[in-house]
N, C-alpha and C. Protein backbone atom coordinates (compact mmCIF):
# COMPACT_ATOMS: atom_id res chain seq x y z
N TRP A 1 -25.39 -0.36 23.39
CA TRP A 1 -24.78 0.24 22.72
C TRP A 1 -23.13 0.30 23.53
N ASP A 2 -23.32 -0.14 24.52
CA ASP A 2 -22.17 0.04 25.87
C ASP A 2 -21.25 -0.62 25.03
N ARG A 3 -21.02 -1.65 24.29
CA ARG A 3 -19.98 -2.64 23.94
C ARG A 3 -19.61 -1.56 22.98
N VAL A 4 -20.30 -0.99 22.04
CA VAL A 4 -19.85 -0.23 20.82
C VAL A 4 -19.16 1.09 21.40
N SER A 5 -19.72 1.87 22.31
CA SER A 5 -18.92 2.77 22.82
C SER A 5 -17.96 2.58 23.21
N ASP A 6 -17.56 1.52 24.02
CA ASP A 6 -16.38 1.15 24.83
C ASP A 6 -15.16 0.87 23.92
N ILE A 7 -15.76 0.02 22.66
CA ILE A 7 -14.62 -0.05 21.35
C ILE A 7 -13.91 1.33 21.13
N TRP A 8 -15.00 2.00 20.86
CA TRP A 8 -14.77 3.52 20.42
C TRP A 8 -13.73 4.24 21.32
N HIS A 9 -14.08 4.15 22.49
CA HIS A 9 -13.23 4.63 23.91
C HIS A 9 -11.78 4.26 24.01
N ALA A 10 -11.96 2.73 23.57
CA ALA A 10 -10.93 2.20 23.34
C ALA A 10 -9.95 2.71 22.49
N ALA A 11 -10.25 2.61 21.09
CA ALA A 11 -9.51 2.76 19.89
C ALA A 11 -9.16 4.21 20.72
N GLY A 12 -9.48 5.28 20.96
CA GLY A 12 -8.92 6.51 21.04
C GLY A 12 -8.00 6.64 22.40
N MET A 13 -7.80 5.67 23.01
CA MET A 13 -6.97 5.23 24.15
C MET A 13 -5.47 4.94 23.65
N TYR A 14 -5.79 4.15 22.56
CA TYR A 14 -4.58 3.29 21.74
C TYR A 14 -4.20 4.14 21.00
N CYS A 15 -4.73 4.74 20.23
CA CYS A 15 -4.30 6.02 19.61
C CYS A 15 -3.39 7.14 20.39
N PHE A 16 -4.24 7.76 21.82
CA PHE A 16 -3.20 8.82 22.70
C PHE A 16 -1.89 7.89 22.88
N LEU A 17 -2.20 6.57 23.41
CA LEU A 17 -0.67 5.72 23.79
C LEU A 17 0.06 6.11 22.51
N LEU A 18 -0.41 5.16 21.45
CA LEU A 18 0.28 5.00 20.30
C LEU A 18 1.21 6.31 19.21
N LEU A 19 0.24 7.43 19.04
CA LEU A 19 1.06 8.28 18.39
C LEU A 19 2.13 8.84 19.06
N PRO A 20 2.27 9.33 20.37
CA PRO A 20 3.46 9.80 21.01
C PRO A 20 4.58 8.96 20.63
N VAL A 21 4.88 7.61 20.91
CA VAL A 21 5.71 6.72 20.91
C VAL A 21 5.93 6.96 18.88
N ILE A 22 5.02 7.09 17.88
CA ILE A 22 5.48 7.02 16.85
C ILE A 22 6.00 8.48 16.50
N GLY A 23 5.70 9.30 17.42
CA GLY A 23 6.34 10.95 17.05
C GLY A 23 7.61 10.99 16.94
N ILE A 24 8.18 10.29 18.24
CA ILE A 24 9.26 9.85 19.15
C ILE A 24 10.37 9.21 17.93
N TYR A 25 9.70 7.81 17.28
CA TYR A 25 10.16 7.09 16.67
C TYR A 25 10.37 8.33 15.42
N LEU A 26 9.98 8.70 14.88
CA LEU A 26 10.13 9.51 13.31
C LEU A 26 11.03 10.73 14.05
N ALA A 27 11.07 11.41 14.93
CA ALA A 27 11.97 12.82 15.43
C ALA A 27 12.99 11.93 15.50
N ALA A 28 13.51 10.78 16.45
CA ALA A 28 14.74 10.68 16.90
C ALA A 28 15.36 9.55 16.18
N PHE A 29 14.92 8.61 15.31
CA PHE A 29 15.29 7.76 14.28
C PHE A 29 15.05 8.21 13.01
N GLN A 30 14.35 9.10 12.05
CA GLN A 30 13.79 9.30 10.97
C GLN A 30 14.55 10.47 10.40
N LYS A 31 14.48 11.34 11.76
CA LYS A 31 14.72 12.52 11.87
C LYS A 31 14.16 13.68 11.12
N GLN A 32 12.41 13.19 10.85
CA GLN A 32 11.36 13.82 10.55
C GLN A 32 10.80 15.04 11.68
N TYR A 33 11.44 15.66 12.22
CA TYR A 33 11.51 16.27 13.43
C TYR A 33 9.72 17.19 13.49
N LEU A 34 9.56 17.73 12.32
CA LEU A 34 8.38 18.02 11.88
C LEU A 34 6.92 17.63 11.99
N ARG A 35 7.23 16.34 11.27
CA ARG A 35 6.35 15.11 11.05
C ARG A 35 5.99 14.40 12.51
N GLY A 36 6.84 14.36 13.37
CA GLY A 36 7.08 13.69 14.40
C GLY A 36 6.52 14.56 15.57
N LEU A 37 6.73 16.05 15.52
CA LEU A 37 6.06 16.73 16.70
C LEU A 37 4.27 16.87 16.07
N VAL A 38 4.19 16.93 14.73
CA VAL A 38 2.44 16.96 14.38
C VAL A 38 1.94 15.47 14.72
N THR A 39 2.80 14.31 14.46
CA THR A 39 2.16 13.19 15.22
C THR A 39 1.98 13.20 16.46
N MET A 40 2.46 13.73 17.29
CA MET A 40 2.49 13.65 18.79
C MET A 40 1.61 14.56 18.91
N ALA A 41 1.24 15.85 18.42
CA ALA A 41 0.00 16.69 18.60
C ALA A 41 -1.07 16.24 17.84
N TRP A 42 -1.49 15.03 17.75
CA TRP A 42 -2.37 14.52 17.20
C TRP A 42 -3.21 13.54 18.00
N SER A 43 -2.24 13.15 19.11
CA SER A 43 -2.30 12.21 20.34
C SER A 43 -3.76 12.64 21.08
N PHE A 44 -3.64 14.31 21.05
CA PHE A 44 -5.11 14.51 22.20
C PHE A 44 -6.40 14.57 21.74
N PRO A 45 -6.10 14.58 20.29
CA PRO A 45 -7.44 15.11 19.62
C PRO A 45 -8.05 13.35 19.25
N ALA A 46 -6.88 12.78 18.66
CA ALA A 46 -7.48 11.29 18.48
C ALA A 46 -8.07 10.57 19.87
N PHE A 47 -7.23 11.29 21.27
CA PHE A 47 -7.98 10.28 22.05
C PHE A 47 -9.93 10.76 22.14
N TYR A 48 -9.89 11.68 21.87
CA TYR A 48 -11.14 12.09 22.08
C TYR A 48 -12.18 11.99 20.62
N LEU A 49 -11.64 12.26 19.59
CA LEU A 49 -12.88 11.84 18.21
C LEU A 49 -13.02 10.82 18.31
N PRO A 50 -12.80 9.69 18.40
CA PRO A 50 -13.30 8.59 18.69
C PRO A 50 -14.71 8.36 19.51
N ALA A 51 -14.03 8.48 20.66
CA ALA A 51 -15.00 8.14 21.60
C ALA A 51 -16.59 9.75 21.47
N TRP A 52 -16.23 10.50 21.12
CA TRP A 52 -17.58 11.74 20.46
C TRP A 52 -18.13 11.13 19.35
N ALA A 53 -17.64 10.45 18.66
CA ALA A 53 -18.24 9.71 17.29
C ALA A 53 -19.31 9.03 17.93
N GLY A 54 -18.90 8.01 18.55
CA GLY A 54 -19.44 6.88 19.42
C GLY A 54 -20.54 7.49 20.19
N HIS A 55 -20.79 8.80 20.28
CA HIS A 55 -21.37 9.41 21.40
C HIS A 55 -22.51 9.91 20.30
N PHE A 56 -22.17 10.82 19.43
CA PHE A 56 -22.85 11.57 18.97
C PHE A 56 -23.71 11.41 17.97
N PHE A 57 -22.89 9.73 17.22
CA PHE A 57 -23.53 9.39 15.79
C PHE A 57 -24.21 7.45 16.00
N LEU A 58 -23.73 7.22 17.25
CA LEU A 58 -24.22 5.72 17.51
C LEU A 58 -25.00 5.88 19.00
N GLN A 59 -24.52 6.51 20.06
CA GLN A 59 -25.66 6.52 20.99
C GLN A 59 -26.47 7.62 21.14
N LYS A 60 -26.38 8.57 19.96
CA LYS A 60 -27.25 9.61 20.25
C LYS A 60 -27.29 10.67 21.77
N ASP A 61 -26.00 10.55 22.56
CA ASP A 61 -26.39 11.28 23.41
C ASP A 61 -24.69 12.30 23.51
N ILE A 62 -24.84 12.89 24.61
CA ILE A 62 -23.42 13.46 24.52
C ILE A 62 -22.40 13.15 25.47
N PRO A 63 -21.16 13.45 25.28
CA PRO A 63 -19.82 12.64 26.43
C PRO A 63 -20.22 13.77 27.46
N ALA A 64 -19.43 13.12 28.42
CA ALA A 64 -19.63 13.04 29.98
C ALA A 64 -19.14 14.57 30.04
N VAL A 65 -17.86 14.83 29.06
CA VAL A 65 -17.18 16.02 29.66
C VAL A 65 -18.30 17.59 29.37
N PHE A 66 -19.12 17.29 28.54
CA PHE A 66 -20.05 18.55 28.42
C PHE A 66 -20.86 18.73 29.18
N SER A 67 -21.33 17.50 30.37
CA SER A 67 -22.11 17.63 31.18
C SER A 67 -21.54 17.69 32.81
N TYR A 68 -20.38 17.70 32.69
CA TYR A 68 -19.55 18.46 33.77
C TYR A 68 -18.65 19.70 33.64
N GLY A 69 -18.64 20.35 32.66
CA GLY A 69 -18.26 21.42 32.39
C GLY A 69 -17.07 20.86 31.76
N THR A 70 -16.24 22.15 31.08
CA THR A 70 -14.76 22.35 30.62
C THR A 70 -13.52 22.69 31.82
N THR A 71 -13.80 22.94 33.15
CA THR A 71 -12.64 23.28 33.74
C THR A 71 -11.97 22.17 34.16
N LEU A 72 -11.04 22.51 34.86
CA LEU A 72 -9.85 21.09 35.11
C LEU A 72 -10.80 19.96 36.20
N SER A 73 -11.19 20.71 37.03
CA SER A 73 -12.44 19.65 37.62
C SER A 73 -13.05 18.94 37.07
N GLY A 74 -13.60 19.82 36.46
CA GLY A 74 -14.94 19.15 36.06
C GLY A 74 -14.53 17.94 34.60
N TRP A 75 -13.11 18.33 34.25
CA TRP A 75 -12.40 17.19 33.26
C TRP A 75 -12.39 15.92 34.21
N TYR A 76 -11.91 16.46 35.14
CA TYR A 76 -11.10 15.29 36.11
C TYR A 76 -12.24 14.78 36.42
N ASN A 77 -13.72 15.12 37.28
CA ASN A 77 -14.79 14.81 37.13
C ASN A 77 -15.80 13.79 36.35
N GLY A 78 -15.51 14.11 35.05
CA GLY A 78 -15.94 13.28 33.82
C GLY A 78 -15.14 12.20 33.54
N GLU A 79 -14.00 12.42 33.74
CA GLU A 79 -12.90 11.19 33.55
C GLU A 79 -13.30 9.75 34.31
N THR A 80 -13.20 10.81 35.81
CA THR A 80 -13.08 9.48 36.42
C THR A 80 -14.60 8.62 36.98
N CYS A 81 -15.37 9.69 36.12
CA CYS A 81 -17.08 9.18 36.61
C CYS A 81 -17.38 7.25 36.58
N ALA A 82 -16.52 7.03 35.53
CA ALA A 82 -16.72 5.72 35.71
C ALA A 82 -16.03 4.65 36.20
N TYR A 83 -14.95 5.03 37.07
CA TYR A 83 -14.17 4.29 37.82
C TYR A 83 -14.91 4.20 39.42
């Protein structure tokens, strides 16, 4: 399951990187300001949702963010534990 989990994490990371670019494009070039803002706002949930789906439904475990706590330092430790 490690490879599948890595794929789900990578999908979330690509969404996190791609959605702000799409949002800026919509706001700057298509003059769709609200749609661009909503698209950029979805980048944070899109970062975590695929990874959490992989954890809960495929691996049947919990993400590290719940193990390390929900404080800023806990989040940092959870995000950097793989490095």
